Amino acid sequence: MTTALATLAVAEEDVDDGDDEDKDNDNDTAGDAEICAFDVPYFRFIDDDGCCDSSSYRYVVVSGTPLKILEHLLSDLRLDDHREMLLDDFLLTYLVFMTTSDLCQALLGQYPYCSARCRGQEEGKDALFRKRKVLHLVSHWSRLYKDFLKEEEHVRSFMKTLYRCVLEDLYEFPILEKDLKEFQKLLRRRHKQMYQQLSLKENSLHVRSPQADKRDVICCVYVSADSYFSVHIRPSMEAHELLRIVSLKMDKAEEDMVLAVVSHSGGTHTTTGNVVSLHPSRLCVYTQPPLTDSAELSRRPVRLLGINTWDVAAALTHLDWNLFKSIHEQELVYYTLSRAPGTGHTPALSVLLQRCNEVQQWVMSEVLMCVSLNKRVQLLKKFIKIAAHCKAQRNLNSAFAIIMGLNTAAVSRLNQTWEKCPGKFKKLFSELELITDPSLNHKAYREAFKRMKPPKIPFMPLLLKDITFIHEGNKTFHDNLVNFEKLHMIADTVRMIRHCQSNEVIGVDSAEVRASVNYLHIIDNQQTLFELSHKLEPRA
């Protein structure tokens, strides 16, 4: 069976038909839209036993206008099926070709009660099914996005309008009462304040005020012109607590240190109170006597050498996992499109990317601040083992970062240090380097990652590179029709987050080990790092 909608190219075939060629498309879609020459995706409905019944069909959407794609979605939506791949693709990627405001308006237009034209065309059972399908789609959207869109004003306005439409429809369609209750639950979960404003009948319900964001943050506290501590803190941390942490890491008395805020204009003032409220101002620690350069910072004990490597890798994985599991799939789409930079649409993703970069810099800093050759060799061995353990714990984000840190020019040029490193560690490092090999589109990494079972943490910069390549390498529109195959490829890549986040990672109990990776000492000046490298091993 094949159908063609105006300005929408759709191929619909029996699942049992193994022939993938579009036999009838040229005839049935003539004059509507040109079907693009892609290896198109297919969607099938499978029962709980994993079998396709005889009434199941394969749906292939190639291209169409946004409104026609939405119409097709609603016409073929099954109210008893929450596994709609086509619906998932559309909701994950609609921002590529339309705004959230446009989607809200389109959904209201598809709800028969809200459109005089539809009210004249659809009556009785057909109108009821269309209303329920719109509500089903909105519920799926809410489940998929969770709290991601709750602050969007047009989403709140849309939810209010749709809720009032359902209330008014109850008299004509009493069967909508069940759908209304589900919609009320959705509003209570995702839009508590709006639900309260709508003065719903459930007056006994206690509606709490919105909670403050509880996500941990990474705070950079500069202790010299080119060196800072990356401190992973909770939002409620006070300035005096942060100062105590830094004093312990620097082996200096807390009374000899002052935490100050440097504003964008260059002004400086000491601070107390909540640390997070100071963001995005630069935090600095001033000491008595003052630190003059990074050479003075190198005279501190190398605490990492006294900690078990597996425990360090577990602590890195635990922290990375807490950051990774809070990433919403939609953050990857926002990050790729850069539609609204700086508006807070990618908070968790941005922190994890910052963390990956800082782990790489931390490895370089630890090695180059170690003036003892023997201890430096021990550090190399330590980091190689930590990288191997991170890989074993399915944390390729930190494994990548450590390997890249050891491979940077300032560290790799330390010939005396590497020569003293035992052969078995050099061999292990060579094996680890293979997963960072970019040849054949990072084939070694992709095969290793594919073999890993979830939960697992991917190397996020590469995942973002894949999505960016799909977005920039494929046109969003063909003759003013949305290229839905591109959306499917983006959605398929984004869904990897969902797969990787399944199950849980066991936490770490040791506060000492956790502190070793939560508070990283980093030199963020490449020139300073090279100067330290040449001081350790001057050029021959």
Protein backbone atom coordinates (compact mmCIF):
# COMPACT_ATOMS: atom_id res chain seq x y z
CA MET A 1 0.00 0.00 0.00
CA THR A 2 1.43 3.41 -0.97
CA THR A 3 0.15 6.84 -0.01
CA ALA A 4 1.12 10.32 -1.15
CA LEU A 5 0.32 13.51 0.78
CA ALA A 6 0.52 16.98 -0.72
CA THR A 7 4.11 18.25 -0.35
CA LEU A 8 5.01 15.12 1.65
CA ALA A 9 6.83 12.17 0.15
CA VAL A 10 5.92 9.04 2.13
CA ALA A 11 6.53 5.40 1.25
CA GLU A 12 4.55 2.76 3.13
CA GLU A 13 5.21 -0.92 2.56
CA ASP A 14 4.28 -4.28 4.07
CA VAL A 15 6.87 -5.41 6.56
CA ASP A 16 7.06 -8.89 5.03
CA ASP A 17 8.18 -7.44 1.70
CA GLY A 18 11.98 -7.73 1.67
CA ASP A 19 12.41 -5.60 -1.44
CA ASP A 20 13.77 -2.18 -0.46
CA GLU A 21 13.37 -0.56 -3.85
CA ASP A 22 10.76 2.19 -4.14
CA LYS A 23 8.76 0.46 -6.87
CA ASP A 24 5.74 2.75 -7.08
CA ASN A 25 7.08 6.01 -5.74
CA ASP A 26 7.64 7.64 -9.13
CA ASN A 27 3.98 7.22 -10.08
CA ASP A 28 2.26 7.90 -6.79
CA THR A 29 4.21 10.99 -5.73
CA ALA A 30 4.40 12.72 -9.09
CA GLY A 31 3.64 16.43 -8.75
CA ASP A 32 3.99 16.35 -4.93
CA ALA A 33 7.67 16.21 -4.08
CA GLU A 34 10.80 14.62 -5.45
CA ILE A 35 11.92 11.67 -3.34
CA CYS A 36 15.54 12.10 -2.40
CA ALA A 37 18.01 9.32 -3.21
CA PHE A 38 18.88 8.18 0.31
CA ASP A 39 19.15 4.83 2.04
CA VAL A 40 15.96 5.66 3.86
CA PRO A 41 15.17 4.43 7.38
CA TYR A 42 12.23 2.17 8.05
CA PHE A 43 9.94 1.97 11.06
CA ARG A 44 8.06 -1.12 12.10
CA PHE A 45 5.77 -1.96 15.01
CA ILE A 46 6.76 -5.13 16.83
CA ASP A 47 4.68 -6.87 19.45
CA ASP A 48 5.92 -7.82 22.92
CA ASP A 49 7.20 -11.17 21.63
CA GLY A 50 9.38 -9.41 19.09
CA CYS A 51 7.23 -10.43 16.12
CA CYS A 52 5.54 -8.31 13.47
CA ASP A 53 1.85 -9.05 13.03
CA SER A 54 0.22 -9.05 9.63
CA SER A 55 -1.31 -5.62 10.13
CA SER A 56 2.06 -3.96 10.80
CA TYR A 57 3.55 -1.69 8.16
CA ARG A 58 6.88 -0.12 7.44
CA TYR A 59 6.79 3.68 7.18
CA VAL A 60 9.44 5.68 5.36
CA VAL A 61 9.33 9.48 5.40
CA VAL A 62 11.81 11.02 2.99
CA SER A 63 10.89 14.70 2.88
CA GLY A 64 8.00 17.07 3.42
CA THR A 65 6.95 20.41 4.84
CA PRO A 66 7.02 20.63 8.66
CA LEU A 67 3.22 20.80 8.85
CA LYS A 68 2.71 17.84 6.50
CA ILE A 69 5.21 15.74 8.46
CA LEU A 70 3.31 16.58 11.65
CA GLU A 71 0.00 15.69 9.96
CA HIS A 72 1.44 12.37 8.85
CA LEU A 73 2.74 11.72 12.37
CA LEU A 74 -0.69 12.28 13.87
CA SER A 75 -2.56 10.32 11.22
CA ASP A 76 -0.44 7.21 11.79
CA LEU A 77 0.14 7.63 15.54
CA ARG A 78 -0.94 4.65 17.63
CA LEU A 79 -2.27 5.56 21.07
CA ASP A 80 -1.26 2.19 22.53
CA ASP A 81 2.36 2.34 21.39
CA HIS A 82 5.05 4.33 23.21
CA ARG A 83 7.88 3.12 20.99
CA GLU A 84 7.20 5.28 17.93
CA MET A 85 10.58 5.71 16.26
CA LEU A 86 9.22 8.24 13.75
CA LEU A 87 7.72 10.33 16.56
CA ASP A 88 10.99 10.10 18.52
CA ASP A 89 12.98 11.29 15.50
CA PHE A 90 10.64 14.23 14.96
CA LEU A 91 10.61 15.40 18.59
CA LEU A 92 14.36 15.04 19.07
CA THR A 93 15.24 17.04 15.98
CA TYR A 94 12.40 19.46 15.19
CA LEU A 95 14.64 22.38 16.25
CA VAL A 96 16.72 21.77 13.13
CA PHE A 97 13.91 23.11 10.93
CA MET A 98 11.40 24.90 13.19
CA THR A 99 11.24 26.71 16.53
CA THR A 100 9.50 25.43 19.65
CA SER A 101 7.00 28.27 19.24
CA ASP A 102 6.24 27.05 15.69
CA LEU A 103 5.68 23.52 16.97
CA CYS A 104 3.29 24.75 19.67
CA GLN A 105 1.24 26.68 17.11
CA ALA A 106 1.21 23.72 14.73
CA LEU A 107 -0.03 21.38 17.47
CA LEU A 108 -2.84 23.77 18.40
CA GLY A 109 -3.75 23.90 14.73
CA GLN A 110 -3.93 20.11 14.65
CA TYR A 111 -6.26 19.97 17.67
CA PRO A 112 -9.73 20.01 16.03
CA TYR A 113 -11.45 22.14 18.70
CA CYS A 114 -8.97 24.94 18.18
CA SER A 115 -9.46 25.18 14.44
CA ALA A 116 -12.74 26.24 12.86
CA ARG A 117 -11.70 24.60 9.59
CA CYS A 118 -11.01 21.26 11.28
CA ARG A 119 -14.19 21.48 13.32
CA GLY A 120 -16.17 21.68 10.08
CA GLN A 121 -14.36 18.72 8.54
CA GLU A 122 -13.96 16.30 11.41
CA GLU A 123 -16.83 15.12 13.49
CA GLY A 124 -17.51 12.47 16.08
CA LYS A 125 -15.07 9.63 16.33
CA ASP A 126 -12.49 11.07 13.92
CA ALA A 127 -12.34 14.36 15.83
CA LEU A 128 -12.01 12.51 19.14
CA PHE A 129 -9.12 10.38 17.86
CA ARG A 130 -7.34 13.46 16.52
CA LYS A 131 -7.66 15.22 19.90
CA ARG A 132 -6.33 12.18 21.75
CA LYS A 133 -3.42 11.84 19.34
CA VAL A 134 -2.40 15.47 19.91
CA LEU A 135 -2.50 14.86 23.67
CA HIS A 136 -0.53 11.63 23.21
CA LEU A 137 2.15 13.47 21.21
CA VAL A 138 2.38 16.24 23.82
CA SER A 139 2.75 13.62 26.58
CA HIS A 140 5.52 11.88 24.64
CA TRP A 141 7.21 15.26 24.11
CA SER A 142 7.03 15.95 27.84
CA ARG A 143 8.42 12.52 28.78
CA LEU A 144 11.25 12.92 26.30
CA TYR A 145 12.22 16.43 27.36
CA LYS A 146 11.45 16.10 31.09
CA ASP A 147 12.16 19.54 32.62
CA PHE A 148 14.16 20.80 29.65
CA LEU A 149 11.48 23.16 28.32
CA LYS A 150 9.62 24.08 31.50
CA GLU A 151 11.06 27.62 31.51
CA GLU A 152 10.04 28.33 27.89
CA GLU A 153 7.26 30.95 27.96
CA HIS A 154 5.59 29.81 24.73
CA VAL A 155 5.52 26.22 26.05
CA ARG A 156 3.73 27.35 29.21
CA SER A 157 1.27 29.38 27.12
CA PHE A 158 0.69 26.40 24.83
CA MET A 159 0.06 24.06 27.78
CA LYS A 160 -2.48 26.49 29.26
CA THR A 161 -4.35 26.84 25.96
CA LEU A 162 -4.38 23.11 25.28
CA TYR A 163 -5.56 22.35 28.83
CA ARG A 164 -8.48 24.76 28.50
CA CYS A 165 -9.40 23.22 25.15
CA VAL A 166 -9.56 19.75 26.72
CA LEU A 167 -11.68 21.08 29.61
CA GLU A 168 -14.16 22.61 27.18
CA ASP A 169 -14.29 19.38 25.12
CA LEU A 170 -15.24 17.24 28.12
CA TYR A 171 -18.97 18.01 27.72
CA GLU A 172 -19.05 16.75 24.12
CA PHE A 173 -16.46 13.98 24.62
CA PRO A 174 -16.69 12.57 28.18
CA ILE A 175 -14.18 9.86 27.25
CA LEU A 176 -11.50 12.57 27.30
CA GLU A 177 -11.66 12.56 31.12
CA LYS A 178 -8.96 9.88 31.29
CA ASP A 179 -6.73 11.87 28.94
CA LEU A 180 -7.41 15.01 31.00
CA LYS A 181 -6.22 13.28 34.18
CA GLU A 182 -3.03 12.21 32.44
CA PHE A 183 -2.54 15.76 31.19
CA GLN A 184 -3.04 17.07 34.74
CA LYS A 185 -0.34 14.71 35.98
CA LEU A 186 1.96 16.02 33.28
CA LEU A 187 1.31 19.63 34.35
CA ARG A 188 1.88 18.81 38.01
CA ARG A 189 5.20 17.16 37.20
CA ARG A 190 6.59 19.64 34.71
CA HIS A 191 4.72 22.92 35.24
CA LYS A 192 3.78 23.11 38.94
CA GLN A 193 3.40 26.90 39.09
CA MET A 194 1.24 27.03 35.99
CA TYR A 195 -0.89 24.16 37.30
CA GLN A 196 -1.49 26.15 40.48
CA GLN A 197 -2.41 29.27 38.49
CA LEU A 198 -5.00 27.35 36.49
CA SER A 199 -6.96 26.79 39.75
CA LEU A 200 -7.57 23.11 39.16
CA LYS A 201 -10.14 21.24 41.21
CA GLU A 202 -7.52 19.35 43.23
CA ASN A 203 -7.22 22.13 45.82
CA SER A 204 -5.87 19.74 48.42
CA LEU A 205 -2.74 19.24 46.36
CA HIS A 206 0.25 20.94 47.91
CA VAL A 207 2.21 22.64 45.15
CA ARG A 208 5.78 23.33 46.14
CA SER A 209 7.67 26.34 44.94
CA PRO A 210 10.21 25.57 42.22
CA GLN A 211 13.43 24.09 43.56
CA ALA A 212 16.76 25.70 42.95
CA ASP A 213 19.07 24.02 40.48
CA LYS A 214 20.94 21.29 42.37
CA ARG A 215 23.47 20.45 39.66
CA ASP A 216 27.07 20.49 40.85
CA VAL A 217 29.35 22.97 39.13
CA ILE A 218 33.05 23.25 38.33
CA CYS A 219 34.60 26.35 39.86
CA CYS A 220 38.03 27.67 38.77
CA VAL A 221 40.02 29.31 41.59
CA TYR A 222 43.21 30.98 40.37
CA VAL A 223 46.20 30.72 42.71
CA SER A 224 48.68 32.41 40.35
CA ALA A 225 48.57 34.24 37.04
CA ASP A 226 48.58 31.00 35.04
CA SER A 227 47.50 28.32 37.51
CA TYR A 228 44.15 27.43 39.04
CA PHE A 229 42.35 24.76 41.01
CA SER A 230 39.40 23.20 39.27
CA VAL A 231 37.01 22.50 42.14
CA HIS A 232 33.90 20.36 41.69
CA ILE A 233 31.46 21.79 44.22
CA ARG A 234 27.82 21.71 45.22
CA PRO A 235 25.82 24.91 44.57
CA SER A 236 25.32 25.57 48.29
CA MET A 237 29.05 25.74 49.11
CA GLU A 238 30.15 28.88 50.99
CA ALA A 239 33.29 30.87 50.19
CA HIS A 240 35.02 29.91 53.46
CA GLU A 241 34.55 26.20 52.65
CA LEU A 242 36.12 26.69 49.23
CA LEU A 243 39.04 28.57 50.75
CA ARG A 244 39.62 25.71 53.21
CA ILE A 245 39.76 23.18 50.35
CA VAL A 246 42.29 25.27 48.43
CA SER A 247 44.44 25.80 51.54
CA LEU A 248 44.61 22.03 52.11
CA LYS A 249 45.61 21.39 48.51
CA MET A 250 48.29 24.09 48.65
CA ASP A 251 49.59 23.14 52.11
CA LYS A 252 49.19 26.71 53.31
CA ALA A 253 47.49 28.08 56.41
CA GLU A 254 43.95 29.29 55.72
CA GLU A 255 44.59 32.52 57.64
CA ASP A 256 47.37 33.37 55.15
CA MET A 257 44.95 33.21 52.22
CA VAL A 258 42.18 35.47 50.96
CA LEU A 259 39.50 34.54 48.43
CA ALA A 260 38.73 37.43 46.12
CA VAL A 261 36.50 38.12 43.11
CA VAL A 262 37.94 39.78 40.02
CA SER A 263 35.20 41.42 37.97
CA HIS A 264 35.24 41.72 34.18
CA SER A 265 36.31 45.35 34.54
CA GLY A 266 39.37 44.30 36.55
CA GLY A 267 38.17 45.38 39.98
CA THR A 268 39.00 43.13 42.94
CA HIS A 269 37.19 42.61 46.24
CA THR A 270 37.26 39.93 48.92
CA THR A 271 34.19 37.77 49.20
CA THR A 272 32.08 35.71 51.55
CA GLY A 273 28.79 33.90 51.08
CA ASN A 274 27.65 31.47 48.39
CA VAL A 275 30.24 30.58 45.77
CA VAL A 276 27.93 29.83 42.84
CA SER A 277 26.32 33.26 43.04
CA LEU A 278 29.70 34.74 42.09
CA HIS A 279 29.68 33.08 38.67
CA PRO A 280 30.82 34.09 36.04
CA SER A 281 33.29 36.37 37.87
CA ARG A 282 36.85 35.11 38.21
CA LEU A 283 37.81 33.78 41.66
CA CYS A 284 41.37 34.24 42.89
CA VAL A 285 43.26 33.27 46.04
CA TYR A 286 45.81 35.74 47.32
CA THR A 287 48.48 34.44 49.71
CA GLN A 288 51.01 35.90 52.12
CA PRO A 289 53.70 35.87 50.87
CA PRO A 290 52.30 36.02 47.35
CA LEU A 291 52.99 33.28 44.81
CA THR A 292 55.15 34.69 42.02
CA ASP A 293 55.11 31.91 39.43
CA SER A 294 54.30 28.28 38.83
CA ALA A 295 57.81 27.18 39.86
CA GLU A 296 56.87 27.81 43.48
CA LEU A 297 53.77 25.65 43.06
CA SER A 298 55.94 22.70 42.05
CA ARG A 299 57.31 22.46 45.59
CA ARG A 300 54.43 20.43 46.94
CA PRO A 301 53.98 16.74 47.73
CA VAL A 302 52.86 14.55 44.83
CA ARG A 303 49.85 13.05 46.61
CA LEU A 304 48.70 11.10 43.58
CA LEU A 305 51.60 8.65 43.95
CA GLY A 306 50.19 7.43 47.27
CA ILE A 307 46.73 6.53 45.92
CA ASN A 308 45.67 3.24 44.31
CA THR A 309 45.30 3.65 40.53
CA TRP A 310 42.06 1.68 40.29
CA ASP A 311 40.53 3.88 43.00
CA VAL A 312 41.60 7.03 41.14
CA ALA A 313 40.05 5.71 37.92
CA ALA A 314 36.87 4.78 39.81
CA ALA A 315 36.68 8.28 41.30
CA LEU A 316 37.16 9.85 37.85
CA THR A 317 34.46 7.58 36.45
CA HIS A 318 32.10 8.33 39.33
CA LEU A 319 32.41 12.08 38.81
CA ASP A 320 32.20 11.83 35.03
CA TRP A 321 29.14 9.61 35.33
CA ASN A 322 27.33 12.10 37.59
CA LEU A 323 27.97 14.77 34.97
CA PHE A 324 27.15 12.52 32.02
CA LYS A 325 23.88 11.11 33.33
CA SER A 326 22.52 14.63 33.86
CA ILE A 327 23.00 15.47 30.17
CA HIS A 328 19.73 15.72 28.27
CA GLU A 329 19.68 14.39 24.72
CA GLN A 330 18.41 17.74 23.48
CA GLU A 331 21.58 19.47 24.72
CA LEU A 332 23.50 17.83 21.89
CA VAL A 333 21.10 19.27 19.33
CA TYR A 334 21.27 22.76 20.87
CA TYR A 335 25.06 22.56 21.06
CA THR A 336 25.30 21.53 17.39
CA LEU A 337 22.89 24.15 16.11
CA SER A 338 24.16 26.94 18.41
CA ARG A 339 20.75 28.50 18.01
CA ALA A 340 20.83 30.25 21.39
CA PRO A 341 24.41 30.40 22.75
CA GLY A 342 24.73 31.46 26.34
CA THR A 343 21.07 30.89 27.21
CA GLY A 344 21.72 27.91 29.47
CA HIS A 345 20.40 25.20 27.11
CA THR A 346 23.57 23.06 27.45
CA PRO A 347 24.54 23.28 31.16
CA ALA A 348 25.46 19.63 31.84
CA LEU A 349 27.10 19.07 28.46
CA SER A 350 29.23 22.20 28.82
CA VAL A 351 30.45 21.10 32.27
CA LEU A 352 31.40 17.62 31.03
CA LEU A 353 33.31 19.09 28.07
CA GLN A 354 35.08 21.47 30.45
CA ARG A 355 35.91 18.52 32.69
CA CYS A 356 37.38 16.52 29.79
CA ASN A 357 39.63 19.43 28.83
CA GLU A 358 40.71 19.95 32.43
CA VAL A 359 41.64 16.29 32.97
CA GLN A 360 43.95 16.56 29.98
CA GLN A 361 45.52 19.75 31.38
CA TRP A 362 45.73 18.19 34.86
CA VAL A 363 47.81 15.28 33.52
CA MET A 364 50.21 17.70 31.85
CA SER A 365 50.40 19.93 34.93
CA GLU A 366 51.05 17.07 37.38
CA VAL A 367 53.88 15.67 35.27
CA LEU A 368 55.51 19.03 34.49
CA MET A 369 55.30 20.32 38.07
CA CYS A 370 57.20 17.26 39.32
CA VAL A 371 60.88 18.23 39.54
CA SER A 372 62.13 14.79 40.59
CA LEU A 373 62.94 12.52 37.64
CA ASN A 374 62.15 9.32 39.55
CA LYS A 375 58.81 10.67 40.76
CA ARG A 376 58.02 11.88 37.25
CA VAL A 377 58.57 8.35 35.94
CA GLN A 378 56.28 7.06 38.68
CA LEU A 379 53.66 9.60 37.59
CA LEU A 380 53.86 8.43 33.97
CA LYS A 381 53.31 4.84 35.08
CA LYS A 382 50.48 5.99 37.33
CA PHE A 383 48.64 7.85 34.60
CA ILE A 384 49.07 5.02 32.08
CA LYS A 385 47.51 2.58 34.56
CA ILE A 386 44.71 5.05 35.41
CA ALA A 387 43.90 5.42 31.70
CA ALA A 388 43.79 1.62 31.32
CA HIS A 389 41.50 1.33 34.35
CA CYS A 390 39.20 4.08 33.00
CA LYS A 391 38.88 2.11 29.79
CA ALA A 392 38.15 -1.06 31.76
CA GLN A 393 35.47 0.86 33.69
CA ARG A 394 33.94 1.95 30.35
CA ASN A 395 34.85 5.60 30.85
CA LEU A 396 36.35 6.54 27.50
CA ASN A 397 35.92 10.25 28.18
CA SER A 398 38.62 10.31 30.88
CA ALA A 399 40.70 7.58 29.19
CA PHE A 400 40.91 9.76 26.07
CA ALA A 401 41.73 12.87 28.12
CA ILE A 402 44.60 11.17 30.00
CA ILE A 403 46.11 9.66 26.84
CA MET A 404 45.94 13.02 25.04
CA GLY A 405 47.51 14.74 28.06
CA LEU A 406 50.49 12.36 27.97
CA ASN A 407 50.74 12.79 24.19
CA THR A 408 50.99 16.59 24.24
CA ALA A 409 54.30 18.01 23.00
CA ALA A 410 55.32 19.41 26.40
CA VAL A 411 55.13 15.92 27.98
CA SER A 412 56.08 13.66 25.07
CA ARG A 413 59.37 15.55 24.59
CA LEU A 414 60.62 14.45 28.04
CA ASN A 415 62.92 11.78 26.60
CA GLN A 416 64.80 11.02 29.83
CA THR A 417 61.51 10.44 31.64
CA TRP A 418 60.05 8.17 28.95
CA GLU A 419 63.31 6.21 28.59
CA LYS A 420 63.22 5.31 32.28
CA CYS A 421 59.61 4.14 31.99
CA PRO A 422 59.53 0.29 31.98
CA GLY A 423 58.88 -1.43 28.67
CA LYS A 424 55.61 -3.03 29.76
CA PHE A 425 54.17 0.41 30.51
CA LYS A 426 55.32 1.77 27.14
CA LYS A 427 53.64 -1.22 25.48
CA LEU A 428 50.43 -0.65 27.46
CA PHE A 429 50.48 3.02 26.50
CA SER A 430 50.92 2.13 22.81
CA GLU A 431 47.89 -0.16 23.04
CA LEU A 432 45.85 2.60 24.70
CA GLU A 433 46.89 5.07 22.01
CA LEU A 434 45.11 2.93 19.44
CA ILE A 435 41.67 4.05 20.68
CA THR A 436 42.66 7.67 20.01
CA ASP A 437 43.82 6.86 16.46
CA PRO A 438 41.71 9.04 14.13
CA SER A 439 42.33 6.91 11.03
CA LEU A 440 39.35 5.38 9.21
CA ASN A 441 37.02 7.74 11.08
CA HIS A 442 38.18 6.59 14.53
CA LYS A 443 37.47 2.96 13.65
CA ALA A 444 39.42 1.53 16.62
CA TYR A 445 37.51 3.70 19.13
CA ARG A 446 34.12 2.97 17.57
CA GLU A 447 34.67 -0.80 17.56
CA ALA A 448 35.93 -0.80 21.17
CA PHE A 449 33.03 1.37 22.33
CA LYS A 450 30.47 -0.73 20.48
CA ARG A 451 31.64 -3.86 22.32
CA MET A 452 31.13 -2.20 25.72
CA LYS A 453 27.84 -2.77 27.51
CA PRO A 454 26.08 0.16 29.19
CA PRO A 455 26.48 2.04 31.41
CA LYS A 456 29.37 3.63 29.57
CA ILE A 457 30.70 7.13 28.97
CA PRO A 458 31.59 8.04 25.37
CA PHE A 459 34.25 10.52 24.36
CA MET A 460 31.88 13.46 24.08
CA PRO A 461 33.87 15.70 21.67
CA LEU A 462 33.81 12.90 19.08
CA LEU A 463 30.07 12.34 19.53
CA LEU A 464 29.47 16.06 18.99
CA LYS A 465 31.74 15.97 15.95
CA ASP A 466 29.58 13.18 14.47
CA ILE A 467 26.37 15.19 14.94
CA THR A 468 27.98 18.35 13.54
CA PHE A 469 29.22 16.39 10.51
CA ILE A 470 25.70 15.07 9.85
CA HIS A 471 24.18 18.53 10.30
CA GLU A 472 26.67 20.43 8.13
CA GLY A 473 27.18 17.67 5.57
CA ASN A 474 23.50 17.26 4.70
CA LYS A 475 20.99 19.84 3.57
CA THR A 476 18.10 20.50 5.95
CA PHE A 477 15.75 21.30 3.06
CA HIS A 478 15.35 19.92 -0.44
CA ASP A 479 13.19 22.23 -2.56
CA ASN A 480 11.71 23.74 0.63
CA LEU A 481 10.90 20.25 1.98
CA VAL A 482 12.46 19.00 5.20
CA ASN A 483 15.08 16.30 4.61
CA PHE A 484 13.75 13.82 7.15
CA GLU A 485 16.56 11.32 6.54
CA LYS A 486 19.00 13.88 7.95
CA LEU A 487 16.81 14.21 11.05
CA HIS A 488 16.76 10.44 11.50
CA MET A 489 20.57 10.27 11.35
CA ILE A 490 20.89 13.06 13.94
CA ALA A 491 18.28 11.46 16.21
CA ASP A 492 19.98 8.06 15.92
CA THR A 493 23.28 9.59 17.04
CA VAL A 494 21.65 11.58 19.86
CA ARG A 495 19.87 8.44 21.11
CA MET A 496 23.27 6.96 21.90
CA ILE A 497 23.15 9.08 25.08
CA ARG A 498 19.97 7.25 26.12
CA HIS A 499 21.61 3.88 25.51
CA CYS A 500 24.81 4.78 27.37
CA GLN A 501 22.92 6.18 30.37
CA SER A 502 20.97 2.97 30.99
CA ASN A 503 21.80 1.26 34.31
CA GLU A 504 23.89 2.82 37.07
CA VAL A 505 27.58 3.13 37.92
CA ILE A 506 28.64 2.11 41.42
CA GLY A 507 29.92 5.05 43.45
CA VAL A 508 33.18 5.59 45.33
CA ASP A 509 33.27 5.66 49.12
CA SER A 510 36.76 7.04 49.84
CA ALA A 511 36.60 10.78 50.55
CA GLU A 512 40.39 11.05 50.10
CA VAL A 513 40.32 9.50 46.64
CA ARG A 514 37.29 11.56 45.64
CA ALA A 515 39.08 14.74 46.74
CA SER A 516 42.07 13.83 44.57
CA VAL A 517 39.97 14.08 41.40
CA ASN A 518 37.38 16.65 42.50
CA TYR A 519 40.03 19.32 43.07
CA LEU A 520 42.51 19.40 40.18
CA HIS A 521 45.55 21.67 40.11
CA ILE A 522 45.90 22.97 36.55
CA ILE A 523 48.27 25.24 34.67
CA ASP A 524 46.25 26.69 31.80
CA ASN A 525 49.07 28.60 30.06
CA GLN A 526 50.72 26.59 27.27
CA GLN A 527 53.81 28.79 27.27
CA THR A 528 54.29 28.19 31.00
CA LEU A 529 53.92 24.44 30.48
CA PHE A 530 56.60 24.45 27.78
CA GLU A 531 58.90 26.54 29.99
CA LEU A 532 58.49 23.99 32.79
CA SER A 533 59.16 21.17 30.31
CA HIS A 534 62.40 22.76 29.13
CA LYS A 535 63.50 23.43 32.72
CA LEU A 536 63.01 19.77 33.56
CA GLU A 537 64.85 18.52 30.46
CA PRO A 538 66.66 21.29 28.55
CA ARG A 539 66.88 20.97 24.81
CA ALA A 540 70.11 19.19 23.79
